Amino acid sequence: MNFKAKNTTVLTAEGKAELFFQTVNCDHLLENYRTDVNKIGKERVHDVKFSDISQLLSGNVCFSEVPKSKNKFQAISFYRGKYYVTFYYLDKRKDCETLFAVIISCYISHESHIIKKYDTYKKEVEQQYGKK
């Protein structure tokens, strides 16, 4: 059992941020994980562990700010053969300069506009930097 406090950082659209989970958001992820295990087809599916979220937010990730929201962002990634959408807020605490990515939700998406947005982003990256 790992009992030492440690966290991981991810590169976001606004810079490096430490992943942070509020208890209420953890409850949301866990409840949806249990509920969604049996979902099929085009329904949203929550199938990631907390440790997976840092992995799917690394590498080629399409970040965008959520319209009409303050400091709320959407990240679309392709991880283990699936498209994932992660919603998070970026914020700093008053007592430190660390930027925190507060995870709100993370799920598999089969929505065509999500897939198209990510695929367009990836093509642009490949054209600019070359295919990996």
N, C-alpha and C. Protein backbone atom coordinates (compact mmCIF):
# COMPACT_ATOMS: atom_id res chain seq x y z
N MET A 1 0.84 -1.18 0.00
CA MET A 1 0.00 0.00 0.00
C MET A 1 0.88 1.24 0.00
N ASN A 2 0.57 2.16 -0.88
CA ASN A 2 1.33 3.40 -0.97
C ASN A 2 0.64 4.45 -0.12
N PHE A 3 1.29 4.89 0.93
CA PHE A 3 0.66 5.84 1.84
C PHE A 3 1.27 7.23 1.77
N LYS A 4 2.28 7.42 0.93
CA LYS A 4 2.90 8.73 0.82
C LYS A 4 2.11 9.61 -0.13
N ALA A 5 1.89 10.86 0.30
CA ALA A 5 1.14 11.80 -0.54
C ALA A 5 1.97 12.18 -1.75
N LYS A 6 1.42 11.95 -2.92
CA LYS A 6 2.08 12.38 -4.14
C LYS A 6 1.02 12.54 -5.21
N ASN A 7 1.32 13.37 -6.15
CA ASN A 7 0.38 13.63 -7.22
C ASN A 7 1.16 13.71 -8.51
N THR A 8 0.49 13.84 -9.60
CA THR A 8 1.17 13.94 -10.88
C THR A 8 0.75 15.24 -11.56
N THR A 9 1.59 15.72 -12.44
CA THR A 9 1.26 16.92 -13.19
C THR A 9 1.03 16.56 -14.64
N VAL A 10 0.22 17.36 -15.30
CA VAL A 10 -0.04 17.20 -16.73
C VAL A 10 0.13 18.56 -17.39
N LEU A 11 0.46 18.52 -18.67
CA LEU A 11 0.56 19.75 -19.44
C LEU A 11 -0.81 20.08 -20.00
N THR A 12 -1.35 21.23 -19.64
CA THR A 12 -2.67 21.65 -20.10
C THR A 12 -2.52 22.81 -21.08
N ALA A 13 -3.63 23.26 -21.60
CA ALA A 13 -3.62 24.40 -22.53
C ALA A 13 -3.07 25.66 -21.86
N GLU A 14 -3.17 25.74 -20.55
CA GLU A 14 -2.71 26.91 -19.80
C GLU A 14 -1.39 26.68 -19.09
N GLY A 15 -0.75 25.55 -19.34
CA GLY A 15 0.53 25.24 -18.70
C GLY A 15 0.45 24.00 -17.83
N LYS A 16 1.53 23.75 -17.11
CA LYS A 16 1.64 22.57 -16.26
C LYS A 16 0.70 22.70 -15.05
N ALA A 17 -0.07 21.65 -14.79
CA ALA A 17 -1.02 21.67 -13.68
C ALA A 17 -0.97 20.34 -12.93
N GLU A 18 -1.14 20.43 -11.63
CA GLU A 18 -1.19 19.24 -10.79
C GLU A 18 -2.62 18.70 -10.78
N LEU A 19 -2.77 17.39 -11.00
CA LEU A 19 -4.11 16.79 -10.97
C LEU A 19 -4.67 16.84 -9.56
N PHE A 20 -5.94 17.14 -9.46
CA PHE A 20 -6.58 17.27 -8.17
C PHE A 20 -7.99 16.72 -8.28
N PHE A 21 -8.39 15.92 -7.32
CA PHE A 21 -9.73 15.35 -7.29
C PHE A 21 -10.44 15.80 -6.02
N GLN A 22 -11.56 16.51 -6.16
CA GLN A 22 -12.35 16.83 -4.99
C GLN A 22 -13.19 15.60 -4.65
N THR A 23 -13.49 15.44 -3.39
CA THR A 23 -14.23 14.26 -2.94
C THR A 23 -15.53 14.08 -3.71
N VAL A 24 -16.27 15.15 -3.90
CA VAL A 24 -17.55 15.03 -4.61
C VAL A 24 -17.33 14.54 -6.04
N ASN A 25 -16.25 14.96 -6.68
CA ASN A 25 -15.97 14.51 -8.04
C ASN A 25 -15.53 13.05 -8.05
N CYS A 26 -14.79 12.64 -7.03
CA CYS A 26 -14.40 11.22 -6.92
C CYS A 26 -15.64 10.36 -6.77
N ASP A 27 -16.57 10.81 -5.94
CA ASP A 27 -17.82 10.07 -5.78
C ASP A 27 -18.55 9.95 -7.11
N HIS A 28 -18.60 11.05 -7.87
CA HIS A 28 -19.25 11.05 -9.18
C HIS A 28 -18.60 10.03 -10.11
N LEU A 29 -17.26 10.04 -10.17
CA LEU A 29 -16.55 9.11 -11.04
C LEU A 29 -16.79 7.66 -10.63
N LEU A 30 -16.72 7.39 -9.33
CA LEU A 30 -16.91 6.02 -8.86
C LEU A 30 -18.33 5.52 -9.06
N GLU A 31 -19.31 6.36 -8.77
CA GLU A 31 -20.71 5.97 -8.97
C GLU A 31 -20.98 5.68 -10.44
N ASN A 32 -20.51 6.57 -11.32
CA ASN A 32 -20.72 6.36 -12.75
C ASN A 32 -19.95 5.15 -13.26
N TYR A 33 -18.77 4.90 -12.70
CA TYR A 33 -17.99 3.73 -13.09
C TYR A 33 -18.80 2.47 -12.83
N ARG A 34 -19.38 2.37 -11.65
CA ARG A 34 -20.17 1.18 -11.31
C ARG A 34 -21.43 1.08 -12.16
N THR A 35 -22.09 2.20 -12.39
CA THR A 35 -23.32 2.22 -13.18
C THR A 35 -23.06 1.90 -14.64
N ASP A 36 -21.93 2.40 -15.15
CA ASP A 36 -21.65 2.31 -16.58
C ASP A 36 -20.98 1.02 -17.03
N VAL A 37 -20.59 0.17 -16.12
CA VAL A 37 -19.87 -1.04 -16.49
C VAL A 37 -20.65 -1.85 -17.52
N ASN A 38 -21.96 -1.86 -17.43
CA ASN A 38 -22.77 -2.68 -18.33
C ASN A 38 -23.31 -1.93 -19.54
N LYS A 39 -22.95 -0.65 -19.71
CA LYS A 39 -23.45 0.10 -20.87
C LYS A 39 -22.78 -0.36 -22.15
N ILE A 40 -23.52 -0.26 -23.24
CA ILE A 40 -22.97 -0.62 -24.55
C ILE A 40 -23.36 0.44 -25.57
N GLY A 41 -22.78 0.33 -26.75
CA GLY A 41 -23.16 1.22 -27.84
C GLY A 41 -22.65 2.63 -27.66
N LYS A 42 -23.53 3.60 -27.93
CA LYS A 42 -23.12 5.00 -27.97
C LYS A 42 -23.28 5.71 -26.63
N GLU A 43 -23.60 4.99 -25.59
CA GLU A 43 -23.77 5.64 -24.30
C GLU A 43 -22.41 6.01 -23.71
N ARG A 44 -22.41 7.02 -22.85
CA ARG A 44 -21.18 7.40 -22.17
C ARG A 44 -20.76 6.28 -21.23
N VAL A 45 -19.48 6.00 -21.20
CA VAL A 45 -18.98 4.94 -20.34
C VAL A 45 -17.80 5.48 -19.53
N HIS A 46 -17.87 5.34 -18.22
CA HIS A 46 -16.78 5.71 -17.33
C HIS A 46 -16.03 4.43 -16.99
N ASP A 47 -14.84 4.24 -17.55
CA ASP A 47 -14.13 2.98 -17.29
C ASP A 47 -12.69 3.18 -16.83
N VAL A 48 -12.32 4.40 -16.45
CA VAL A 48 -10.94 4.64 -16.07
C VAL A 48 -10.77 4.70 -14.57
N LYS A 49 -9.59 4.27 -14.14
CA LYS A 49 -9.20 4.44 -12.75
C LYS A 49 -8.57 5.82 -12.63
N PHE A 50 -8.44 6.32 -11.41
CA PHE A 50 -7.85 7.64 -11.22
C PHE A 50 -6.45 7.71 -11.82
N SER A 51 -5.68 6.63 -11.68
CA SER A 51 -4.31 6.63 -12.21
C SER A 51 -4.28 6.67 -13.73
N ASP A 52 -5.35 6.21 -14.39
CA ASP A 52 -5.42 6.27 -15.86
C ASP A 52 -5.59 7.70 -16.37
N ILE A 53 -6.22 8.55 -15.59
CA ILE A 53 -6.53 9.90 -16.06
C ILE A 53 -5.26 10.67 -16.41
N SER A 54 -4.20 10.52 -15.61
CA SER A 54 -2.96 11.22 -15.94
C SER A 54 -2.36 10.68 -17.24
N GLN A 55 -2.52 9.39 -17.50
CA GLN A 55 -2.00 8.81 -18.74
C GLN A 55 -2.77 9.30 -19.96
N LEU A 56 -4.09 9.37 -19.85
CA LEU A 56 -4.85 9.80 -21.03
C LEU A 56 -4.79 11.30 -21.24
N LEU A 57 -4.26 12.05 -20.27
CA LEU A 57 -4.04 13.49 -20.46
C LEU A 57 -2.61 13.79 -20.87
N SER A 58 -1.85 12.76 -21.23
CA SER A 58 -0.47 12.94 -21.70
C SER A 58 -0.42 12.61 -23.19
N GLY A 59 0.54 13.20 -23.87
CA GLY A 59 0.69 12.92 -25.30
C GLY A 59 -0.19 13.82 -26.14
N ASN A 60 -0.77 13.27 -27.20
CA ASN A 60 -1.62 14.05 -28.10
C ASN A 60 -3.00 14.24 -27.48
N VAL A 61 -3.23 15.42 -26.94
CA VAL A 61 -4.50 15.74 -26.29
C VAL A 61 -5.04 17.04 -26.88
N CYS A 62 -6.28 17.02 -27.29
CA CYS A 62 -6.93 18.20 -27.85
C CYS A 62 -7.62 18.96 -26.72
N PHE A 63 -7.05 20.10 -26.35
CA PHE A 63 -7.60 20.92 -25.27
C PHE A 63 -8.44 22.05 -25.84
N SER A 64 -9.54 22.36 -25.17
CA SER A 64 -10.33 23.53 -25.55
C SER A 64 -11.06 24.06 -24.32
N GLU A 65 -11.26 25.36 -24.32
CA GLU A 65 -12.01 25.98 -23.23
C GLU A 65 -13.49 25.75 -23.49
N VAL A 66 -14.24 25.47 -22.43
CA VAL A 66 -15.68 25.26 -22.55
C VAL A 66 -16.35 26.63 -22.66
N PRO A 67 -17.10 26.87 -23.74
CA PRO A 67 -17.73 28.18 -23.93
C PRO A 67 -18.65 28.55 -22.76
N LYS A 68 -18.69 29.83 -22.47
CA LYS A 68 -19.56 30.39 -21.43
C LYS A 68 -19.25 29.85 -20.04
N SER A 69 -18.03 29.37 -19.83
CA SER A 69 -17.61 28.87 -18.52
C SER A 69 -16.30 29.53 -18.14
N LYS A 70 -16.12 29.76 -16.87
CA LYS A 70 -14.88 30.38 -16.40
C LYS A 70 -13.91 29.29 -15.94
N ASN A 71 -12.76 29.24 -16.59
CA ASN A 71 -11.68 28.31 -16.25
C ASN A 71 -12.05 26.84 -16.42
N LYS A 72 -13.10 26.53 -17.18
CA LYS A 72 -13.49 25.13 -17.41
C LYS A 72 -12.98 24.71 -18.79
N PHE A 73 -12.35 23.53 -18.83
CA PHE A 73 -11.73 23.04 -20.05
C PHE A 73 -12.20 21.63 -20.36
N GLN A 74 -12.06 21.28 -21.64
CA GLN A 74 -12.36 19.94 -22.13
C GLN A 74 -11.08 19.40 -22.76
N ALA A 75 -10.77 18.17 -22.47
CA ALA A 75 -9.63 17.50 -23.10
C ALA A 75 -10.15 16.25 -23.80
N ILE A 76 -9.80 16.11 -25.07
CA ILE A 76 -10.18 14.91 -25.83
C ILE A 76 -8.90 14.15 -26.13
N SER A 77 -8.90 12.88 -25.82
CA SER A 77 -7.71 12.07 -26.05
C SER A 77 -8.10 10.70 -26.61
N PHE A 78 -7.13 10.04 -27.20
CA PHE A 78 -7.31 8.69 -27.71
C PHE A 78 -6.39 7.80 -26.89
N TYR A 79 -6.97 6.89 -26.10
CA TYR A 79 -6.21 6.11 -25.13
C TYR A 79 -6.71 4.68 -25.16
N ARG A 80 -5.79 3.74 -25.35
CA ARG A 80 -6.14 2.32 -25.40
C ARG A 80 -7.27 2.02 -26.38
N GLY A 81 -7.20 2.68 -27.55
CA GLY A 81 -8.17 2.41 -28.61
C GLY A 81 -9.53 3.05 -28.44
N LYS A 82 -9.66 4.01 -27.49
CA LYS A 82 -10.95 4.65 -27.25
C LYS A 82 -10.76 6.17 -27.15
N TYR A 83 -11.81 6.90 -27.49
CA TYR A 83 -11.81 8.35 -27.37
C TYR A 83 -12.36 8.72 -25.99
N TYR A 84 -11.62 9.56 -25.27
CA TYR A 84 -12.03 9.99 -23.93
C TYR A 84 -12.24 11.49 -23.89
N VAL A 85 -13.23 11.91 -23.13
CA VAL A 85 -13.46 13.32 -22.87
C VAL A 85 -13.27 13.52 -21.37
N THR A 86 -12.45 14.50 -21.02
CA THR A 86 -12.21 14.85 -19.63
C THR A 86 -12.57 16.32 -19.45
N PHE A 87 -13.38 16.61 -18.46
CA PHE A 87 -13.69 17.99 -18.11
C PHE A 87 -12.98 18.33 -16.81
N TYR A 88 -12.39 19.52 -16.79
CA TYR A 88 -11.67 19.94 -15.59
C TYR A 88 -11.67 21.46 -15.50
N TYR A 89 -11.45 21.95 -14.29
CA TYR A 89 -11.27 23.37 -14.04
C TYR A 89 -9.80 23.61 -13.73
N LEU A 90 -9.28 24.73 -14.17
CA LEU A 90 -7.93 25.14 -13.79
C LEU A 90 -8.06 26.24 -12.76
N ASP A 91 -7.34 26.08 -11.64
CA ASP A 91 -7.44 27.07 -10.58
C ASP A 91 -6.20 27.02 -9.71
N LYS A 92 -5.94 28.12 -9.02
CA LYS A 92 -4.86 28.19 -8.03
C LYS A 92 -5.48 28.43 -6.67
N ARG A 93 -4.82 27.90 -5.64
CA ARG A 93 -5.25 28.19 -4.28
C ARG A 93 -4.60 29.50 -3.85
N LYS A 94 -5.19 30.15 -2.87
CA LYS A 94 -4.66 31.42 -2.39
C LYS A 94 -3.33 31.26 -1.68
N ASP A 95 -3.06 30.07 -1.14
CA ASP A 95 -1.85 29.87 -0.34
C ASP A 95 -0.65 29.33 -1.12
N CYS A 96 -0.78 29.12 -2.43
CA CYS A 96 0.36 28.63 -3.21
C CYS A 96 0.20 29.00 -4.68
N GLU A 97 1.28 28.90 -5.42
CA GLU A 97 1.29 29.27 -6.84
C GLU A 97 0.99 28.09 -7.77
N THR A 98 0.83 26.91 -7.22
CA THR A 98 0.59 25.73 -8.05
C THR A 98 -0.73 25.84 -8.79
N LEU A 99 -0.70 25.54 -10.08
CA LEU A 99 -1.92 25.48 -10.88
C LEU A 99 -2.49 24.07 -10.75
N PHE A 100 -3.76 23.97 -10.40
CA PHE A 100 -4.41 22.67 -10.22
C PHE A 100 -5.41 22.42 -11.34
N ALA A 101 -5.41 21.20 -11.85
CA ALA A 101 -6.44 20.74 -12.79
C ALA A 101 -7.41 19.91 -11.96
N VAL A 102 -8.56 20.48 -11.65
CA VAL A 102 -9.56 19.81 -10.82
C VAL A 102 -10.46 19.00 -11.74
N ILE A 103 -10.31 17.68 -11.68
CA ILE A 103 -11.04 16.78 -12.57
C ILE A 103 -12.51 16.72 -12.17
N ILE A 104 -13.38 16.96 -13.15
CA ILE A 104 -14.82 16.93 -12.92
C ILE A 104 -15.42 15.61 -13.40
N SER A 105 -15.08 15.23 -14.63
CA SER A 105 -15.63 14.01 -15.21
C SER A 105 -14.70 13.50 -16.30
N CYS A 106 -14.72 12.21 -16.52
CA CYS A 106 -13.89 11.58 -17.55
C CYS A 106 -14.64 10.34 -18.03
N TYR A 107 -14.86 10.27 -19.35
CA TYR A 107 -15.63 9.14 -19.87
C TYR A 107 -15.27 8.86 -21.33
N ILE A 108 -15.60 7.66 -21.79
CA ILE A 108 -15.44 7.29 -23.19
C ILE A 108 -16.56 7.97 -23.97
N SER A 109 -16.22 8.46 -25.15
CA SER A 109 -17.25 9.06 -26.00
C SER A 109 -17.25 8.40 -27.37
N HIS A 110 -18.46 8.13 -27.86
CA HIS A 110 -18.64 7.61 -29.22
C HIS A 110 -19.30 8.67 -30.10
N GLU A 111 -19.42 9.90 -29.58
CA GLU A 111 -20.08 10.97 -30.31
C GLU A 111 -19.24 11.39 -31.51
N SER A 112 -19.88 11.51 -32.67
CA SER A 112 -19.15 11.80 -33.90
C SER A 112 -18.43 13.14 -33.86
N HIS A 113 -19.02 14.16 -33.23
CA HIS A 113 -18.35 15.47 -33.20
C HIS A 113 -17.09 15.44 -32.33
N ILE A 114 -17.07 14.60 -31.31
CA ILE A 114 -15.88 14.44 -30.46
C ILE A 114 -14.77 13.74 -31.26
N ILE A 115 -15.12 12.67 -31.92
CA ILE A 115 -14.14 11.91 -32.72
C ILE A 115 -13.58 12.79 -33.84
N LYS A 116 -14.46 13.53 -34.51
CA LYS A 116 -14.02 14.41 -35.60
C LYS A 116 -13.09 15.50 -35.08
N LYS A 117 -13.43 16.09 -33.95
CA LYS A 117 -12.59 17.16 -33.37
C LYS A 117 -11.20 16.63 -33.05
N TYR A 118 -11.13 15.45 -32.44
CA TYR A 118 -9.82 14.88 -32.10
C TYR A 118 -9.04 14.51 -33.35
N ASP A 119 -9.68 13.86 -34.31
CA ASP A 119 -9.00 13.45 -35.54
C ASP A 119 -8.48 14.66 -36.32
N THR A 120 -9.25 15.74 -36.37
CA THR A 120 -8.80 16.97 -37.02
C THR A 120 -7.59 17.54 -36.30
N TYR A 121 -7.65 17.57 -34.97
CA TYR A 121 -6.52 18.05 -34.16
C TYR A 121 -5.27 17.21 -34.44
N LYS A 122 -5.42 15.89 -34.45
CA LYS A 122 -4.26 15.01 -34.65
C LYS A 122 -3.64 15.21 -36.03
N LYS A 123 -4.47 15.38 -37.06
CA LYS A 123 -3.95 15.63 -38.41
C LYS A 123 -3.17 16.94 -38.46
N GLU A 124 -3.67 17.96 -37.78
CA GLU A 124 -2.97 19.25 -37.74
C GLU A 124 -1.61 19.11 -37.05
N VAL A 125 -1.56 18.36 -35.97
CA VAL A 125 -0.30 18.13 -35.25
C VAL A 125 0.67 17.36 -36.13
N GLU A 126 0.18 16.33 -36.81
CA GLU A 126 1.05 15.54 -37.69
C GLU A 126 1.58 16.37 -38.85
N GLN A 127 0.77 17.26 -39.39
CA GLN A 127 1.23 18.12 -40.48
C GLN A 127 2.28 19.11 -39.99
N GLN A 128 2.10 19.60 -38.78
CA GLN A 128 3.02 20.60 -38.24
C GLN A 128 4.32 19.98 -37.75
N TYR A 129 4.25 18.84 -37.09
CA TYR A 129 5.43 18.25 -36.45
C TYR A 129 5.89 16.94 -37.05
N GLY A 130 5.14 16.38 -37.98
CA GLY A 130 5.47 15.07 -38.53
C GLY A 130 4.79 13.97 -37.75
N LYS A 131 4.56 12.86 -38.42
CA LYS A 131 3.86 11.73 -37.79
C LYS A 131 4.78 11.02 -36.83
N LYS A 132 4.24 10.68 -35.64
CA LYS A 132 5.02 9.93 -34.63
C LYS A 132 4.86 8.46 -34.84
